[in-house]
C-alpha atoms as a PDB file:
ATOM      1  CA  MET A   1      10.318 -20.520  -1.057  1.00  0.00           C
ATOM      2  CA  THR A   2       7.903 -19.907  -3.903  1.00  0.00           C
ATOM      3  CA  ASP A   3       4.405 -21.294  -4.348  1.00  0.00           C
ATOM      4  CA  THR A   4       2.372 -21.622  -7.527  1.00  0.00           C
ATOM      5  CA  TYR A   5       1.474 -17.915  -7.486  1.00  0.00           C
ATOM      6  CA  GLY A   6       5.105 -16.804  -7.308  1.00  0.00           C
ATOM      7  CA  THR A   7       4.673 -15.579  -3.736  1.00  0.00           C
ATOM      8  CA  LYS A   8       7.933 -15.421  -1.812  1.00  0.00           C
ATOM      9  CA  HIS A   9       6.470 -14.042   1.410  1.00  0.00           C
ATOM     10  CA  LYS A  10       3.219 -15.063   3.058  1.00  0.00           C
ATOM     11  CA  PRO A  11       1.545 -13.198   5.902  1.00  0.00           C
ATOM     12  CA  THR A  12       0.694 -14.998   9.106  1.00  0.00           C
ATOM     13  CA  GLU A  13      -1.504 -12.150  10.348  1.00  0.00           C
ATOM     14  CA  ILE A  14      -2.954  -8.920   8.946  1.00  0.00           C
ATOM     15  CA  ARG A  15      -4.485  -6.308  11.252  1.00  0.00           C
ATOM     16  CA  VAL A  16      -6.172  -3.011  10.463  1.00  0.00           C
ATOM     17  CA  ASN A  17      -5.733  -0.378  13.153  1.00  0.00           C
ATOM     18  CA  GLN A  18      -8.434   2.111  12.218  1.00  0.00           C
ATOM     19  CA  GLU A  19      -7.542   4.557  14.972  1.00  0.00           C
ATOM     20  CA  ALA A  20      -3.872   4.725  13.929  1.00  0.00           C
ATOM     21  CA  LYS A  21      -4.827   4.395  10.230  1.00  0.00           C
ATOM     22  CA  THR A  22      -2.354   1.587   9.662  1.00  0.00           C
ATOM     23  CA  LEU A  23      -2.154  -1.912   8.269  1.00  0.00           C
ATOM     24  CA  GLU A  24       0.029  -4.222  10.338  1.00  0.00           C
ATOM     25  CA  VAL A  25       1.352  -7.321   8.578  1.00  0.00           C
ATOM     26  CA  ASP A  26       3.313 -10.188  10.129  1.00  0.00           C
ATOM     27  CA  PHE A  27       5.109 -12.517   7.692  1.00  0.00           C
ATOM     28  CA  ASP A  28       6.109 -16.159   7.947  1.00  0.00           C
ATOM     29  CA  ASN A  29       9.820 -15.278   8.079  1.00  0.00           C
ATOM     30  CA  GLY A  30       9.343 -13.272  11.290  1.00  0.00           C
ATOM     31  CA  LYS A  31       9.308  -9.822   9.670  1.00  0.00           C
ATOM     32  CA  SER A  32       6.525  -7.427  10.655  1.00  0.00           C
ATOM     33  CA  PHE A  33       5.594  -4.128   9.067  1.00  0.00           C
ATOM     34  CA  CYS A  34       3.275  -1.303  10.041  1.00  0.00           C
ATOM     35  CA  LEU A  35       2.190   0.553   6.893  1.00  0.00           C
ATOM     36  CA  THR A  36       0.232   3.793   7.001  1.00  0.00           C
ATOM     37  CA  ALA A  37      -3.012   4.038   5.083  1.00  0.00           C
ATOM     38  CA  GLU A  38      -1.696   7.164   3.386  1.00  0.00           C
ATOM     39  CA  LEU A  39       1.379   5.362   2.034  1.00  0.00           C
ATOM     40  CA  LEU A  40      -0.689   2.402   0.861  1.00  0.00           C
ATOM     41  CA  ARG A  41      -3.201   4.740  -0.803  1.00  0.00           C
ATOM     42  CA  VAL A  42      -0.666   6.858  -2.677  1.00  0.00           C
ATOM     43  CA  GLU A  43       1.325   3.764  -3.718  1.00  0.00           C
ATOM     44  CA  SER A  44      -1.744   1.721  -4.648  1.00  0.00           C
ATOM     45  CA  PRO A  45      -0.878  -0.871  -7.301  1.00  0.00           C
ATOM     46  CA  SER A  46      -4.017   0.142  -9.210  1.00  0.00           C
ATOM     47  CA  ALA A  47      -3.822   1.330 -12.810  1.00  0.00           C
ATOM     48  CA  GLU A  48      -5.359   4.625 -11.605  1.00  0.00           C
ATOM     49  CA  ILE A  49      -2.146   5.334  -9.656  1.00  0.00           C
ATOM     50  CA  GLN A  50       0.571   3.262 -11.360  1.00  0.00           C
ATOM     51  CA  GLY A  51      -0.678   3.702 -14.923  1.00  0.00           C
ATOM     52  CA  HIS A  52      -0.299   1.042 -17.579  1.00  0.00           C
ATOM     53  CA  GLY A  53       3.425   1.367 -18.189  1.00  0.00           C
ATOM     54  CA  PRO A  54       6.686   2.960 -17.100  1.00  0.00           C
ATOM     55  CA  GLY A  55       6.560   6.671 -16.367  1.00  0.00           C
ATOM     56  CA  GLN A  56       2.774   6.805 -16.035  1.00  0.00           C
ATOM     57  CA  LYS A  57       2.505   6.971 -12.242  1.00  0.00           C
ATOM     58  CA  THR A  58       0.051   9.555 -10.942  1.00  0.00           C
ATOM     59  CA  ILE A  59       1.011  11.545  -7.864  1.00  0.00           C
ATOM     60  CA  ILE A  60      -1.988  12.322  -5.691  1.00  0.00           C
ATOM     61  CA  GLY A  61      -2.091  14.746  -2.827  1.00  0.00           C
ATOM     62  CA  GLY A  62      -4.575  15.442  -0.091  1.00  0.00           C
ATOM     63  CA  ARG A  63      -4.517  11.992   1.476  1.00  0.00           C
ATOM     64  CA  ARG A  64      -3.006  12.819   4.893  1.00  0.00           C
ATOM     65  CA  HIS A  65      -6.171  11.714   6.717  1.00  0.00           C
ATOM     66  CA  VAL A  66      -7.160   8.698   4.583  1.00  0.00           C
ATOM     67  CA  GLY A  67      -8.130   5.603   6.505  1.00  0.00           C
ATOM     68  CA  ILE A  68      -8.823   1.959   5.835  1.00  0.00           C
ATOM     69  CA  MET A  69     -12.467   0.857   5.987  1.00  0.00           C
ATOM     70  CA  GLY A  70     -11.742  -2.804   5.387  1.00  0.00           C
ATOM     71  CA  VAL A  71      -9.619  -5.480   3.780  1.00  0.00           C
ATOM     72  CA  GLU A  72     -10.815  -8.305   1.551  1.00  0.00           C
ATOM     73  CA  PRO A  73      -8.863 -11.425   0.550  1.00  0.00           C
ATOM     74  CA  VAL A  74      -8.081 -11.961  -3.122  1.00  0.00           C
ATOM     75  CA  GLY A  75      -7.420 -15.647  -3.619  1.00  0.00           C
ATOM     76  CA  ASN A  76      -4.472 -16.930  -1.603  1.00  0.00           C
ATOM     77  CA  TYR A  77      -2.047 -14.285  -2.799  1.00  0.00           C
ATOM     78  CA  ALA A  78      -3.344 -10.773  -2.067  1.00  0.00           C
ATOM     79  CA  ILE A  79      -5.783  -8.384  -0.418  1.00  0.00           C
ATOM     80  CA  LYS A  80      -7.915  -5.554  -1.680  1.00  0.00           C
ATOM     81  CA  ILE A  81      -7.927  -2.529   0.618  1.00  0.00           C
ATOM     82  CA  ASN A  82     -11.048  -0.386   0.847  1.00  0.00           C
ATOM     83  CA  PHE A  83      -9.984   3.152   1.686  1.00  0.00           C
ATOM     84  CA  ASP A  84     -12.363   5.717   3.161  1.00  0.00           C
ATOM     85  CA  ASP A  85     -11.868   8.004   0.138  1.00  0.00           C
ATOM     86  CA  LEU A  86     -13.644   5.159  -1.732  1.00  0.00           C
ATOM     87  CA  HIS A  87     -10.547   3.963  -3.610  1.00  0.00           C
ATOM     88  CA  ASP A  88     -10.681   0.171  -3.746  1.00  0.00           C
ATOM     89  CA  THR A  89      -9.200  -0.978  -7.045  1.00  0.00           C
ATOM     90  CA  GLY A  90      -5.626  -1.869  -6.041  1.00  0.00           C
ATOM     91  CA  ILE A  91      -4.719  -5.510  -5.455  1.00  0.00           C
ATOM     92  CA  PHE A  92      -1.920  -5.727  -2.887  1.00  0.00           C
ATOM     93  CA  SER A  93      -0.099  -9.047  -3.317  1.00  0.00           C
ATOM     94  CA  TRP A  94       1.813 -10.493  -0.378  1.00  0.00           C
ATOM     95  CA  ASP A  95       5.077  -9.654  -2.143  1.00  0.00           C
ATOM     96  CA  THR A  96       3.928  -6.075  -2.781  1.00  0.00           C
ATOM     97  CA  LEU A  97       3.088  -5.614   0.905  1.00  0.00           C
ATOM     98  CA  TYR A  98       6.448  -7.106   1.882  1.00  0.00           C
ATOM     99  CA  ASP A  99       8.265  -4.864  -0.602  1.00  0.00           C
ATOM    100  CA  TYR A 100       6.411  -1.769   0.649  1.00  0.00           C
ATOM    101  CA  GLY A 101       7.329  -2.733   4.214  1.00  0.00           C
ATOM    102  CA  GLN A 102      11.003  -3.169   3.334  1.00  0.00           C
ATOM    103  CA  ARG A 103      11.135   0.080   1.354  1.00  0.00           C
ATOM    104  CA  GLN A 104       8.614   2.261   3.162  1.00  0.00           C
ATOM    105  CA  ASP A 105      11.143   4.976   4.092  1.00  0.00           C
ATOM    106  CA  GLU A 106      12.317   5.216   0.475  1.00  0.00           C
ATOM    107  CA  LEU A 107       8.762   5.160  -0.918  1.00  0.00           C
ATOM    108  CA  TRP A 108       7.673   7.831   1.561  1.00  0.00           C
ATOM    109  CA  GLN A 109      10.589  10.136   0.745  1.00  0.00           C
ATOM    110  CA  ASN A 110       9.985   9.703  -2.991  1.00  0.00           C
ATOM    111  CA  TYR A 111       6.343  10.615  -2.434  1.00  0.00           C
ATOM    112  CA  LEU A 112       7.214  13.730  -0.414  1.00  0.00           C
ATOM    113  CA  ASP A 113       9.740  14.774  -3.073  1.00  0.00           C
ATOM    114  CA  ALA A 114       7.173  14.284  -5.860  1.00  0.00           C
ATOM    115  CA  LEU A 115       4.596  16.344  -3.963  1.00  0.00           C
ATOM    116  CA  ALA A 116       7.110  19.157  -3.483  1.00  0.00           C
ATOM    117  CA  GLU A 117       8.108  19.051  -7.148  1.00  0.00           C
ATOM    118  CA  LYS A 118       4.459  19.374  -8.201  1.00  0.00           C
ATOM    119  CA  GLU A 119       3.722  21.964  -5.474  1.00  0.00           C
ATOM    120  CA  MET A 120       1.101  19.686  -3.988  1.00  0.00           C
ATOM    121  CA  SER A 121       0.232  18.987  -0.363  1.00  0.00           C
ATOM    122  CA  ARG A 122      -0.618  15.958   1.751  1.00  0.00           C
ATOM    123  CA  ASP A 123      -3.517  18.004   3.148  1.00  0.00           C
ATOM    124  CA  PRO A 124      -6.946  17.931   1.519  1.00  0.00           C
END
């Protein structure tokens, strides 16, 4: 199922758990994901993190305690997450959130490996 924005997966509910520092997303196909603020922050789809082309991704450390201050809708296809480290430029499409949910273990391990390779820490 694809709508005019190319969205394959649409959320039925999005909840921010500020105490747990997570974003919980329920999708219309019955799948639900609980994504940590830290994972969302370090995988932000912003140009600041992802760069403007292949191989330009920036690895950032020190985000173990990052939280989510709020979420804003972007049209009918995405949200903008306002993190408490003041990062707010990434647009998380429904398909990006679904993909991150499906691959969160892989994304997390890749992040930990990249930190180790660069001798960086999750701690501030």
